[in-house]
N, C-alpha and C. Protein backbone atom coordinates (compact mmCIF):
# COMPACT_ATOMS: atom_id res chain seq x y z
N MET A 1 47.81 56.57 23.34
CA MET A 1 48.73 55.23 22.75
C MET A 1 47.66 54.24 22.83
N GLU A 2 46.74 54.89 24.28
CA GLU A 2 46.03 53.70 24.65
C GLU A 2 44.40 53.96 22.97
N HIS A 3 44.67 55.61 22.01
CA HIS A 3 43.73 55.33 21.24
C HIS A 3 44.55 54.83 20.26
N LYS A 4 45.30 54.78 19.39
CA LYS A 4 45.72 54.19 18.56
C LYS A 4 45.86 52.30 18.58
N ARG A 5 45.83 51.64 19.98
CA ARG A 5 45.94 50.74 20.12
C ARG A 5 44.35 50.17 19.65
N SER A 6 43.71 50.88 20.57
CA SER A 6 41.97 50.93 19.91
C SER A 6 41.27 50.91 18.81
N TYR A 7 41.95 51.51 17.83
CA TYR A 7 41.90 51.94 16.31
C TYR A 7 42.72 51.09 15.84
N ALA A 8 43.43 50.37 15.93
CA ALA A 8 44.55 49.21 15.43
C ALA A 8 43.93 48.17 15.55
N THR A 9 43.35 47.38 16.36
CA THR A 9 41.92 46.26 17.03
C THR A 9 40.89 46.30 16.26
N HIS A 10 39.94 47.60 16.77
CA HIS A 10 39.21 48.25 15.23
C HIS A 10 39.69 47.51 13.88
N ILE A 11 40.34 47.79 13.05
CA ILE A 11 40.64 47.33 11.97
C ILE A 11 41.30 46.09 11.99
N ASP A 12 41.79 45.88 13.04
CA ASP A 12 42.29 43.89 12.54
C ASP A 12 40.48 43.21 13.23
N ALA A 13 40.04 43.31 13.77
CA ALA A 13 38.37 42.93 13.77
C ALA A 13 37.81 42.83 12.49
N ARG A 14 37.74 44.23 12.45
CA ARG A 14 36.81 44.39 10.64
C ARG A 14 37.81 43.12 9.67
N LYS A 15 39.32 42.99 9.73
CA LYS A 15 39.33 42.38 8.67
C LYS A 15 39.69 40.58 8.70
N SER A 16 39.63 40.29 10.46
CA SER A 16 39.75 39.30 10.84
C SER A 16 37.99 38.44 10.25
N ARG A 17 37.01 39.58 10.38
CA ARG A 17 35.60 39.59 9.67
C ARG A 17 35.13 39.11 8.17
N SER A 18 36.60 40.22 7.71
CA SER A 18 36.42 40.07 6.33
C SER A 18 36.86 39.06 5.85
N ILE A 19 37.80 38.26 6.39
CA ILE A 19 38.32 37.51 5.85
C ILE A 19 37.59 36.07 6.34
N ALA A 20 36.90 36.18 7.75
CA ALA A 20 35.57 34.70 7.97
C ALA A 20 34.97 34.98 7.22
N LEU A 21 34.65 36.38 6.74
CA LEU A 21 32.93 36.48 5.72
C LEU A 21 33.64 35.53 4.23
N THR A 22 34.67 36.11 3.80
CA THR A 22 35.05 35.85 2.77
C THR A 22 35.08 34.66 2.75
N ILE A 23 35.49 33.50 3.56
CA ILE A 23 35.74 32.08 3.83
C ILE A 23 34.80 31.61 3.55
N THR A 24 33.35 31.92 4.86
CA THR A 24 32.13 31.77 4.54
C THR A 24 31.88 31.55 3.07
N VAL A 25 31.58 32.49 2.34
CA VAL A 25 30.81 32.55 1.29
C VAL A 25 31.86 31.57 0.12
N ALA A 26 33.21 31.50 0.19
CA ALA A 26 33.90 30.12 -0.45
C ALA A 26 33.30 28.92 -0.90
N ILE A 27 33.15 28.52 1.01
CA ILE A 27 32.79 27.78 1.40
C ILE A 27 31.27 27.11 0.98
N ALA A 28 30.86 28.10 0.70
CA ALA A 28 29.21 27.56 0.55
C ALA A 28 29.27 28.18 -1.10
N ALA A 29 29.46 29.17 -1.49
CA ALA A 29 30.21 28.50 -2.98
C ALA A 29 30.28 26.86 -3.51
N VAL A 30 31.18 26.40 -2.82
CA VAL A 30 31.93 25.19 -3.28
C VAL A 30 30.98 24.25 -2.85
N ILE A 31 29.85 24.64 -1.59
CA ILE A 31 28.65 23.67 -1.24
C ILE A 31 27.78 23.44 -1.92
N GLY A 32 27.64 24.42 -2.62
CA GLY A 32 26.09 24.77 -4.08
C GLY A 32 26.63 24.39 -5.04
N VAL A 33 28.21 24.51 -5.41
CA VAL A 33 28.74 23.87 -7.16
C VAL A 33 28.46 22.20 -6.72
N LEU A 34 28.56 22.36 -5.44
CA LEU A 34 28.86 20.18 -5.00
C LEU A 34 27.37 20.27 -5.40
N ALA A 35 26.77 20.48 -4.50
CA ALA A 35 25.12 20.72 -4.21
C ALA A 35 24.42 20.14 -5.58
N VAL A 36 24.57 21.52 -6.79
CA VAL A 36 23.89 21.10 -8.11
C VAL A 36 24.25 19.97 -8.87
N THR A 37 25.95 20.12 -8.91
CA THR A 37 26.28 18.97 -9.25
C THR A 37 25.82 17.36 -8.97
N GLY A 38 26.12 17.29 -8.40
CA GLY A 38 25.17 16.22 -7.14
C GLY A 38 23.93 16.14 -7.85
N SER A 39 22.91 17.34 -7.38
CA SER A 39 21.76 17.11 -8.24
C SER A 39 21.52 16.68 -9.61
N ALA A 40 22.02 17.52 -11.04
CA ALA A 40 22.21 17.46 -12.04
C ALA A 40 22.76 16.07 -11.96
N GLU A 41 23.18 15.52 -11.04
CA GLU A 41 24.07 13.85 -11.85
C GLU A 41 23.28 12.75 -10.84
N SER A 42 22.47 12.91 -10.04
CA SER A 42 21.28 12.19 -9.86
C SER A 42 19.60 12.10 -9.97
N ALA A 43 19.80 13.33 -11.00
CA ALA A 43 18.24 13.73 -10.91
C ALA A 43 17.74 12.49 -11.74
N PRO A 44 18.78 11.95 -12.42
CA PRO A 44 18.00 10.80 -13.51
C PRO A 44 17.86 9.69 -12.81
N THR A 45 18.89 9.10 -11.31
CA THR A 45 17.98 8.23 -10.66
C THR A 45 16.99 8.44 -9.65
N ALA A 46 16.65 9.67 -9.55
CA ALA A 46 15.54 10.48 -8.28
C ALA A 46 14.38 9.83 -9.57
N ALA A 47 15.02 10.55 -10.24
CA ALA A 47 13.16 10.41 -11.19
C ALA A 47 13.06 8.89 -11.70
N LEU A 48 14.10 8.18 -11.85
CA LEU A 48 14.02 6.60 -12.28
C LEU A 48 12.98 6.04 -11.18
N HIS A 49 13.66 6.46 -9.81
CA HIS A 49 12.76 5.61 -8.59
C HIS A 49 11.52 5.92 -8.32
N GLY A 50 11.32 7.16 -8.57
CA GLY A 50 9.88 7.87 -7.91
C GLY A 50 9.35 7.18 -9.31
N GLY A 51 9.58 7.14 -10.87
CA GLY A 51 8.25 6.44 -11.56
C GLY A 51 7.98 4.72 -11.47
N LYS A 52 9.62 4.52 -10.51
CA LYS A 52 9.28 3.29 -10.16
C LYS A 52 7.70 3.19 -9.09
N ARG A 53 8.18 3.87 -8.07
CA ARG A 53 7.32 3.64 -7.27
C ARG A 53 6.08 4.40 -7.40
N ALA A 54 5.86 5.05 -8.21
CA ALA A 54 4.29 5.62 -9.06
C ALA A 54 3.53 4.07 -9.75
N LYS A 55 4.93 3.68 -10.50
CA LYS A 55 3.85 1.92 -10.96
C LYS A 55 3.61 1.47 -9.96
N VAL A 56 3.97 1.43 -9.59
CA VAL A 56 3.81 0.34 -7.32
C VAL A 56 2.78 0.44 -7.30
N ALA A 57 2.25 1.82 -6.75
CA ALA A 57 1.50 2.53 -6.27
C ALA A 57 0.22 2.65 -6.95
N ALA A 58 0.24 2.76 -8.23
CA ALA A 58 -0.79 2.30 -9.53
C ALA A 58 -1.19 1.26 -9.35
N ASN A 59 -0.03 0.16 -9.46
CA ASN A 59 -0.37 -1.44 -10.13
C ASN A 59 -1.33 -1.73 -7.98
N LYS A 60 -0.76 -1.05 -6.99
CA LYS A 60 -1.42 -1.35 -5.62
C LYS A 60 -3.05 -0.73 -5.76
N ARG A 61 -3.33 0.04 -6.43
CA ARG A 61 -4.51 0.75 -6.53
C ARG A 61 -4.99 0.35 -7.83
N VAL A 62 -4.78 -0.98 -8.22
CA VAL A 62 -6.18 -1.37 -9.68
C VAL A 62 -6.31 -2.78 -8.51
N VAL A 63 -4.77 -3.28 -7.83
CA VAL A 63 -5.13 -4.39 -7.52
C VAL A 63 -6.37 -4.22 -6.28
N LEU A 64 -5.94 -3.14 -5.45
CA LEU A 64 -7.04 -2.58 -4.42
C LEU A 64 -8.46 -2.79 -5.07
N ALA A 65 -8.68 -2.31 -5.94
CA ALA A 65 -9.78 -1.53 -6.91
C ALA A 65 -10.31 -3.20 -7.09
N PHE A 66 -9.84 -4.59 -7.37
CA PHE A 66 -9.78 -5.21 -8.00
C PHE A 66 -10.48 -6.74 -6.93
N ILE A 67 -10.30 -6.00 -5.77
CA ILE A 67 -10.06 -7.14 -4.59
C ILE A 67 -11.81 -6.42 -3.74
N LYS A 68 -11.88 -4.75 -3.88
CA LYS A 68 -13.29 -4.45 -3.97
C LYS A 68 -14.52 -4.72 -4.39
N ASP A 69 -14.00 -4.59 -5.58
CA ASP A 69 -15.41 -4.57 -6.22
C ASP A 69 -15.55 -5.85 -7.00
N VAL A 70 -14.84 -6.84 -6.87
CA VAL A 70 -15.14 -8.32 -7.52
C VAL A 70 -15.09 -8.89 -5.53
N LEU A 71 -14.89 -9.32 -5.22
CA LEU A 71 -14.41 -9.89 -3.58
C LEU A 71 -15.78 -9.26 -2.71
N ALA A 72 -15.50 -8.23 -2.49
CA ALA A 72 -15.68 -7.74 -1.25
C ALA A 72 -17.20 -7.20 -1.60
N GLU A 73 -17.63 -6.11 -2.89
CA GLU A 73 -19.16 -6.02 -3.49
C GLU A 73 -19.63 -7.04 -3.51
N HIS A 74 -19.01 -8.62 -4.28
CA HIS A 74 -19.20 -9.47 -4.91
C HIS A 74 -19.85 -9.24 -6.38
N HIS A 75 -19.05 -8.87 -6.75
CA HIS A 75 -19.30 -8.94 -8.49
C HIS A 75 -18.69 -9.22 -9.25
N GLY A 76 -18.83 -10.61 -8.83
CA GLY A 76 -17.46 -11.96 -9.74
C GLY A 76 -18.05 -11.43 -11.39
N ASP A 77 -18.74 -11.24 -12.35
CA ASP A 77 -18.86 -10.82 -13.30
C ASP A 77 -18.13 -9.92 -14.05
N HIS A 78 -17.31 -8.66 -12.80
CA HIS A 78 -16.51 -7.48 -13.31
C HIS A 78 -15.61 -7.74 -13.10
N ALA A 79 -14.98 -9.58 -12.83
CA ALA A 79 -13.51 -9.43 -12.51
C ALA A 79 -13.00 -9.70 -14.25
N ALA A 80 -13.17 -9.99 -14.82
CA ALA A 80 -12.34 -9.65 -16.17
C ALA A 80 -11.59 -8.65 -16.57
N ARG A 81 -12.32 -7.50 -16.08
CA ARG A 81 -12.36 -5.94 -16.41
C ARG A 81 -10.29 -5.65 -16.13
N TYR A 82 -10.16 -6.45 -14.98
CA TYR A 82 -9.06 -5.91 -14.05
C TYR A 82 -7.98 -6.78 -14.72
N MET A 83 -8.42 -7.52 -16.23
CA MET A 83 -7.33 -8.70 -16.27
C MET A 83 -7.09 -8.37 -17.97
N THR A 84 -5.78 -8.99 -18.23
CA THR A 84 -5.22 -9.45 -19.30
C THR A 84 -5.86 -10.61 -19.86
N PRO A 85 -6.30 -10.52 -20.98
CA PRO A 85 -7.15 -11.96 -21.95
C PRO A 85 -6.34 -12.96 -21.53
N ASP A 86 -5.69 -13.16 -21.21
CA ASP A 86 -4.52 -14.05 -21.67
C ASP A 86 -3.74 -14.18 -20.05
N ILE A 87 -4.49 -13.50 -19.20
CA ILE A 87 -4.01 -14.22 -17.42
C ILE A 87 -4.29 -15.60 -17.06
N GLN A 88 -3.09 -16.00 -16.69
CA GLN A 88 -3.26 -17.03 -15.95
C GLN A 88 -3.10 -16.92 -14.65
N PHE A 89 -4.32 -17.98 -13.77
CA PHE A 89 -4.01 -17.74 -12.40
C PHE A 89 -4.15 -19.29 -12.19
N HIS A 90 -2.45 -18.92 -10.92
CA HIS A 90 -2.37 -20.54 -10.70
C HIS A 90 -2.89 -20.54 -9.37
N ALA A 91 -3.80 -21.88 -8.70
CA ALA A 91 -3.84 -21.82 -7.59
C ALA A 91 -3.79 -23.13 -6.72
N GLY A 92 -1.98 -23.62 -6.87
CA GLY A 92 -1.73 -24.60 -5.99
C GLY A 92 -2.53 -25.73 -6.64
N THR A 93 -2.98 -26.56 -6.21
CA THR A 93 -3.52 -27.98 -6.17
C THR A 93 -5.47 -27.93 -6.55
N VAL A 94 -5.73 -26.93 -6.81
CA VAL A 94 -6.69 -26.33 -7.58
C VAL A 94 -6.42 -26.14 -9.28
N GLY A 95 -5.14 -25.84 -9.40
CA GLY A 95 -4.79 -26.27 -10.45
C GLY A 95 -4.63 -24.75 -11.09
N THR A 96 -4.11 -25.10 -12.76
CA THR A 96 -4.13 -23.56 -12.94
C THR A 96 -5.39 -22.92 -13.96
N VAL A 97 -5.76 -22.09 -14.18
CA VAL A 97 -6.69 -21.49 -15.25
C VAL A 97 -5.99 -20.28 -15.61
N VAL A 98 -6.46 -21.15 -17.18
CA VAL A 98 -5.66 -19.70 -18.08
C VAL A 98 -7.51 -18.94 -19.24
N GLY A 99 -6.95 -16.81 -18.95
CA GLY A 99 -7.91 -16.84 -20.02
C GLY A 99 -8.80 -15.76 -19.04
N SER A 100 -9.03 -14.78 -18.80
CA SER A 100 -9.94 -14.22 -18.77
C SER A 100 -11.03 -14.26 -18.13
N ALA A 101 -11.67 -14.81 -19.02
CA ALA A 101 -13.37 -15.70 -19.11
C ALA A 101 -13.11 -16.62 -18.08
N SER A 102 -12.06 -17.62 -17.75
CA SER A 102 -12.22 -18.61 -17.06
C SER A 102 -12.03 -18.86 -15.84
N VAL A 103 -11.18 -17.32 -15.24
CA VAL A 103 -11.05 -16.85 -14.69
C VAL A 103 -11.24 -16.04 -13.55
N ALA A 104 -12.25 -15.32 -14.30
CA ALA A 104 -13.56 -14.57 -13.80
C ALA A 104 -14.48 -15.59 -13.66
N GLY A 105 -15.31 -16.72 -14.35
CA GLY A 105 -15.58 -17.68 -14.13
C GLY A 105 -15.87 -18.58 -12.54
N VAL A 106 -14.38 -19.15 -12.22
CA VAL A 106 -14.37 -18.75 -11.16
C VAL A 106 -14.51 -17.59 -10.01
N LEU A 107 -13.72 -17.18 -10.23
CA LEU A 107 -14.08 -16.12 -9.10
C LEU A 107 -15.47 -15.93 -8.57
N ASN A 108 -16.42 -15.91 -9.65
CA ASN A 108 -17.63 -15.92 -9.82
C ASN A 108 -18.49 -16.14 -9.19
N GLY A 109 -17.62 -17.86 -9.37
CA GLY A 109 -18.47 -18.95 -9.02
C GLY A 109 -18.02 -18.98 -7.59
N VAL A 110 -16.83 -18.32 -6.37
CA VAL A 110 -16.55 -18.31 -5.37
C VAL A 110 -17.49 -17.05 -4.67
N VAL A 111 -17.61 -15.97 -5.51
CA VAL A 111 -18.67 -14.65 -4.44
C VAL A 111 -20.64 -15.39 -4.53
N THR A 112 -20.36 -16.04 -5.68
CA THR A 112 -21.58 -16.68 -5.62
C THR A 112 -22.40 -18.06 -4.44
N ALA A 113 -21.28 -18.62 -4.37
CA ALA A 113 -21.05 -19.86 -2.94
C ALA A 113 -21.12 -19.14 -2.00
N ILE A 114 -20.63 -17.48 -1.44
CA ILE A 114 -20.42 -17.46 -0.24
C ILE A 114 -20.22 -15.77 -0.76
N PRO A 115 -21.76 -15.13 -0.29
CA PRO A 115 -22.82 -14.18 -0.97
C PRO A 115 -22.82 -13.72 -0.14
N ASP A 116 -21.54 -13.61 1.11
CA ASP A 116 -21.47 -12.46 2.13
C ASP A 116 -20.37 -12.34 2.48
N LEU A 117 -18.85 -12.91 1.41
CA LEU A 117 -17.60 -13.25 1.29
C LEU A 117 -17.43 -11.27 2.08
N ASN A 118 -16.55 -11.36 2.70
CA ASN A 118 -15.53 -10.42 2.94
C ASN A 118 -13.99 -10.20 3.20
N PRO A 119 -13.36 -9.87 2.17
CA PRO A 119 -11.85 -9.84 2.25
C PRO A 119 -11.52 -8.72 3.20
N GLN A 120 -10.47 -9.55 4.31
CA GLN A 120 -9.92 -8.84 5.62
C GLN A 120 -8.74 -8.33 4.96
N LEU A 121 -8.23 -7.17 4.32
CA LEU A 121 -6.80 -6.85 3.87
C LEU A 121 -6.02 -6.99 5.05
N GLN A 122 -5.29 -8.09 5.28
CA GLN A 122 -4.50 -7.54 6.53
C GLN A 122 -2.92 -6.90 6.37
N ASP A 123 -1.98 -7.03 5.05
CA ASP A 123 -0.63 -6.30 4.48
C ASP A 123 -1.13 -6.25 3.08
N ILE A 124 -0.39 -5.50 2.23
CA ILE A 124 -0.25 -5.08 1.35
C ILE A 124 0.91 -4.41 0.65
N PHE A 125 1.79 -4.95 -0.01
CA PHE A 125 3.26 -4.16 -0.49
C PHE A 125 3.62 -4.84 -1.66
N GLY A 126 4.97 -4.11 -2.60
CA GLY A 126 4.52 -4.13 -4.36
C GLY A 126 6.01 -4.10 -4.55
N GLU A 127 6.76 -4.24 -5.68
CA GLU A 127 7.68 -4.50 -5.83
C GLU A 127 7.31 -4.22 -7.43
N GLY A 128 8.10 -3.38 -8.28
CA GLY A 128 8.51 -3.87 -9.87
C GLY A 128 6.74 -4.19 -10.35
N ASP A 129 6.69 -5.08 -11.03
CA ASP A 129 4.93 -5.41 -11.62
C ASP A 129 4.31 -5.89 -10.43
N GLU A 130 4.72 -6.63 -9.54
CA GLU A 130 4.07 -7.43 -8.65
C GLU A 130 3.67 -6.92 -7.47
N VAL A 131 1.96 -6.89 -7.03
CA VAL A 131 1.72 -6.48 -5.47
C VAL A 131 1.07 -8.00 -4.36
N VAL A 132 1.79 -8.44 -3.79
CA VAL A 132 1.23 -9.20 -2.83
C VAL A 132 0.51 -8.85 -1.91
N VAL A 133 -1.26 -9.34 -1.20
CA VAL A 133 -1.45 -9.00 -0.64
C VAL A 133 -2.37 -9.76 0.58
N ARG A 134 -2.43 -10.07 1.61
CA ARG A 134 -2.25 -10.89 2.64
C ARG A 134 -3.55 -10.63 3.59
N LEU A 135 -4.84 -11.79 3.02
CA LEU A 135 -6.36 -11.54 3.39
C LEU A 135 -6.70 -12.15 4.28
N VAL A 136 -7.33 -12.23 5.28
CA VAL A 136 -8.01 -13.08 6.52
C VAL A 136 -9.66 -12.97 5.49
N VAL A 137 -10.20 -13.65 4.88
CA VAL A 137 -11.68 -13.96 4.03
C VAL A 137 -12.56 -15.18 4.55
N SER A 138 -13.83 -14.36 5.31
CA SER A 138 -14.69 -14.58 6.58
C SER A 138 -16.02 -14.77 5.44
N GLY A 139 -17.27 -15.53 5.03
CA GLY A 139 -18.16 -15.60 5.13
C GLY A 139 -19.23 -16.85 5.27
N THR A 140 -20.03 -16.79 4.79
CA THR A 140 -20.82 -18.60 4.79
C THR A 140 -20.93 -18.90 3.38
N GLN A 141 -20.75 -20.07 3.40
CA GLN A 141 -21.12 -21.56 2.38
C GLN A 141 -22.64 -21.27 2.00
N THR A 142 -23.51 -21.16 1.10
CA THR A 142 -24.47 -21.71 0.74
C THR A 142 -24.80 -21.92 -0.48
N GLY A 143 -23.56 -22.42 -1.26
CA GLY A 143 -23.42 -22.52 -2.81
C GLY A 143 -22.32 -23.41 -2.62
N ALA A 144 -22.62 -24.34 -3.92
CA ALA A 144 -21.49 -25.12 -4.08
C ALA A 144 -20.02 -24.79 -4.30
N LEU A 145 -18.57 -24.84 -4.13
CA LEU A 145 -17.79 -24.16 -3.76
C LEU A 145 -16.16 -25.05 -3.80
N LEU A 146 -16.10 -24.84 -5.01
CA LEU A 146 -14.65 -25.73 -5.52
C LEU A 146 -15.30 -27.71 -5.81
N GLY A 147 -16.79 -27.85 -5.78
CA GLY A 147 -17.10 -28.74 -6.28
C GLY A 147 -16.99 -29.36 -4.77
N ILE A 148 -17.47 -28.59 -3.70
CA ILE A 148 -18.22 -28.42 -1.85
C ILE A 148 -19.04 -28.06 -1.92
N PRO A 149 -20.26 -29.18 -1.69
CA PRO A 149 -22.04 -28.68 -2.00
C PRO A 149 -21.77 -27.26 -0.91
N ALA A 150 -22.94 -26.74 -0.97
CA ALA A 150 -23.53 -25.94 0.07
C ALA A 150 -23.54 -26.07 1.43
N SER A 151 -22.99 -26.13 2.45
CA SER A 151 -22.86 -26.50 3.58
C SER A 151 -24.02 -25.49 5.13
N GLY A 152 -24.05 -23.91 4.34
CA GLY A 152 -24.74 -23.35 5.01
C GLY A 152 -24.08 -22.88 6.27
N ARG A 153 -22.76 -22.97 6.79
CA ARG A 153 -21.23 -23.18 7.46
C ARG A 153 -20.77 -21.65 7.10
N ALA A 154 -20.24 -20.97 8.38
CA ALA A 154 -19.45 -20.19 8.12
C ALA A 154 -18.32 -20.52 8.31
N VAL A 155 -17.42 -19.44 7.18
CA VAL A 155 -15.80 -20.27 7.02
C VAL A 155 -14.64 -18.94 6.87
N SER A 156 -13.54 -19.51 7.18
CA SER A 156 -12.68 -18.65 7.31
C SER A 156 -11.45 -18.92 6.84
N TRP A 157 -10.57 -18.17 5.74
CA TRP A 157 -9.35 -18.65 5.96
C TRP A 157 -8.22 -17.54 5.46
N ASP A 158 -7.34 -18.19 5.56
CA ASP A 158 -5.77 -17.51 5.62
C ASP A 158 -5.58 -17.61 3.91
N ALA A 159 -5.02 -16.18 3.53
CA ALA A 159 -4.88 -16.10 1.97
C ALA A 159 -3.55 -15.05 1.38
N VAL A 160 -2.73 -15.42 0.77
CA VAL A 160 -2.31 -15.10 0.59
C VAL A 160 -1.66 -14.79 -1.10
N ASP A 161 -2.03 -13.71 -2.49
CA ASP A 161 -1.81 -13.51 -2.83
C ASP A 161 -0.68 -12.61 -3.58
N VAL A 162 0.00 -13.12 -4.54
CA VAL A 162 0.84 -12.36 -5.58
C VAL A 162 0.22 -12.05 -6.66
N TYR A 163 0.28 -11.15 -7.48
CA TYR A 163 -0.10 -10.19 -8.09
C TYR A 163 0.82 -10.43 -9.38
N LYS A 164 0.47 -10.26 -10.34
CA LYS A 164 2.25 -9.94 -11.44
C LYS A 164 1.28 -8.57 -12.40
N LEU A 165 0.51 -7.77 -12.72
CA LEU A 165 0.40 -6.90 -13.85
C LEU A 165 1.39 -5.98 -14.85
N LYS A 166 0.46 -6.08 -16.08
CA LYS A 166 1.10 -5.53 -17.17
C LYS A 166 0.16 -4.55 -17.77
N GLY A 167 0.87 -3.57 -18.04
CA GLY A 167 -0.38 -2.37 -18.88
C GLY A 167 -1.77 -2.05 -18.18
N GLY A 168 -1.29 -2.05 -16.65
CA GLY A 168 -2.09 -1.77 -15.90
C GLY A 168 -3.60 -2.64 -15.47
N LYS A 169 -3.03 -4.05 -15.81
CA LYS A 169 -3.88 -4.86 -15.78
C LYS A 169 -3.66 -6.09 -15.41
N ILE A 170 -4.62 -6.45 -13.91
CA ILE A 170 -3.74 -8.18 -14.37
C ILE A 170 -3.00 -9.37 -15.12
N SER A 171 -2.07 -9.78 -14.96
CA SER A 171 -1.57 -10.58 -15.97
C SER A 171 -1.52 -12.27 -15.32
N GLU A 172 -0.96 -12.45 -13.82
CA GLU A 172 -0.91 -13.29 -13.25
C GLU A 172 -1.22 -13.40 -12.36
N GLU A 173 -1.55 -14.17 -11.60
CA GLU A 173 -2.29 -14.25 -9.84
C GLU A 173 -1.86 -15.84 -9.30
N TRP A 174 -1.05 -15.67 -7.96
CA TRP A 174 -0.80 -16.69 -7.11
C TRP A 174 -1.80 -16.99 -6.38
N ALA A 175 -2.07 -17.72 -6.15
CA ALA A 175 -3.14 -17.25 -5.11
C ALA A 175 -3.01 -18.46 -3.96
N ALA A 176 -2.58 -18.57 -2.57
CA ALA A 176 -2.29 -19.38 -1.52
C ALA A 176 -2.95 -19.17 -0.91
N GLU A 177 -3.89 -19.88 -1.36
CA GLU A 177 -5.50 -19.93 0.27
C GLU A 177 -5.42 -21.35 0.97
N ASP A 178 -5.90 -21.35 2.52
CA ASP A 178 -5.21 -21.94 2.97
C ASP A 178 -6.76 -23.05 2.94
N LEU A 179 -6.57 -23.60 1.88
CA LEU A 179 -7.88 -24.95 2.17
C LEU A 179 -8.25 -26.11 2.65
N THR A 180 -6.87 -26.24 3.89
CA THR A 180 -7.64 -26.86 4.92
C THR A 180 -8.12 -26.71 5.84
N ALA A 181 -8.06 -25.27 5.83
CA ALA A 181 -9.41 -24.34 6.67
C ALA A 181 -10.85 -24.35 6.07
N ILE A 182 -10.44 -24.07 4.95
CA ILE A 182 -11.95 -24.26 3.97
C ILE A 182 -13.23 -25.72 4.16
N LEU A 183 -11.91 -26.58 3.89
CA LEU A 183 -12.76 -28.33 4.28
C LEU A 183 -12.48 -28.50 5.48
N ASN A 184 -12.33 -27.91 6.17
CA ASN A 184 -12.66 -27.85 7.62
C ASN A 184 -13.83 -27.50 8.17
N ASP A 185 -14.44 -26.26 7.74
CA ASP A 185 -15.23 -25.33 8.05
C ASP A 185 -16.43 -25.91 6.83
N THR A 186 -16.32 -26.42 5.82
CA THR A 186 -17.21 -26.75 5.30
C THR A 186 -18.14 -28.01 5.60
N GLY A 187 -17.00 -28.82 6.41
CA GLY A 187 -16.88 -30.03 7.36
C GLY A 187 -16.74 -31.29 6.76
N THR A 188 -15.90 -31.05 5.20
CA THR A 188 -15.57 -31.68 4.18
C THR A 188 -14.34 -32.57 4.83
N PHE A 189 -13.63 -32.09 6.09
CA PHE A 189 -12.68 -32.70 6.10
C PHE A 189 -11.97 -31.96 7.55
N LYS A 190 -11.70 -33.34 8.20
CA LYS A 190 -11.32 -32.37 9.27
C LYS A 190 -9.81 -33.00 9.58
N ALA A 191 -8.66 -32.46 9.23
CA ALA A 191 -7.30 -32.49 9.67
C ALA A 191 -6.96 -32.56 11.06
N PRO A 192 -6.15 -33.80 11.61
CA PRO A 192 -6.03 -34.16 12.91
C PRO A 192 -5.20 -33.59 13.72
N TRP A 193 -4.52 -32.30 12.78
CA TRP A 193 -4.94 -31.24 13.62
C TRP A 193 -4.91 -30.00 14.15
N ILE A 194 -5.99 -30.26 13.71
CA ILE A 194 -7.12 -28.91 13.90
C ILE A 194 -7.88 -29.49 15.57
N PRO A 195 -7.65 -29.40 16.33
CA PRO A 195 -8.68 -29.03 17.95
C PRO A 195 -10.14 -29.33 17.38
């Protein structure tokens, strides 16, 4: 009798394992079908997001190359290479400059007036066609800058610039420079809040 019970228990255990294995395989098959269906449905969305990320990354590379070449390496004459012909450079109270030749002229004037200009990147991020950078800019003003005669003094200011790109080139820039710091450092104007 003991032998029959043992055999029956062995048969029941085998049936239980077989049923469990069948259920496990069925669940795995359902999950697999759902995963494939979900992946197929979400593939266009993933590709879209991947394409957007790649475009933002490419735009950041253009802006970083522009900052390095034109500002850090003092090649103001290279500025137009990074711009669309109809670029608009919005510089707050300084005004809006239109056209790659005109904007390049302004930037060439800046790096000529401050030949040791050093733009230290603090932040960069992008979304869509826009890239935002935050810089701390420093150097020595040895030439006329925005109508301010050469002072021979060290200057330093914060800058937040928003670049809009089209076709891999800068089509618009909004430059928010701390002009009060520039005026203070060049000895042109001292604001009452500056110690």
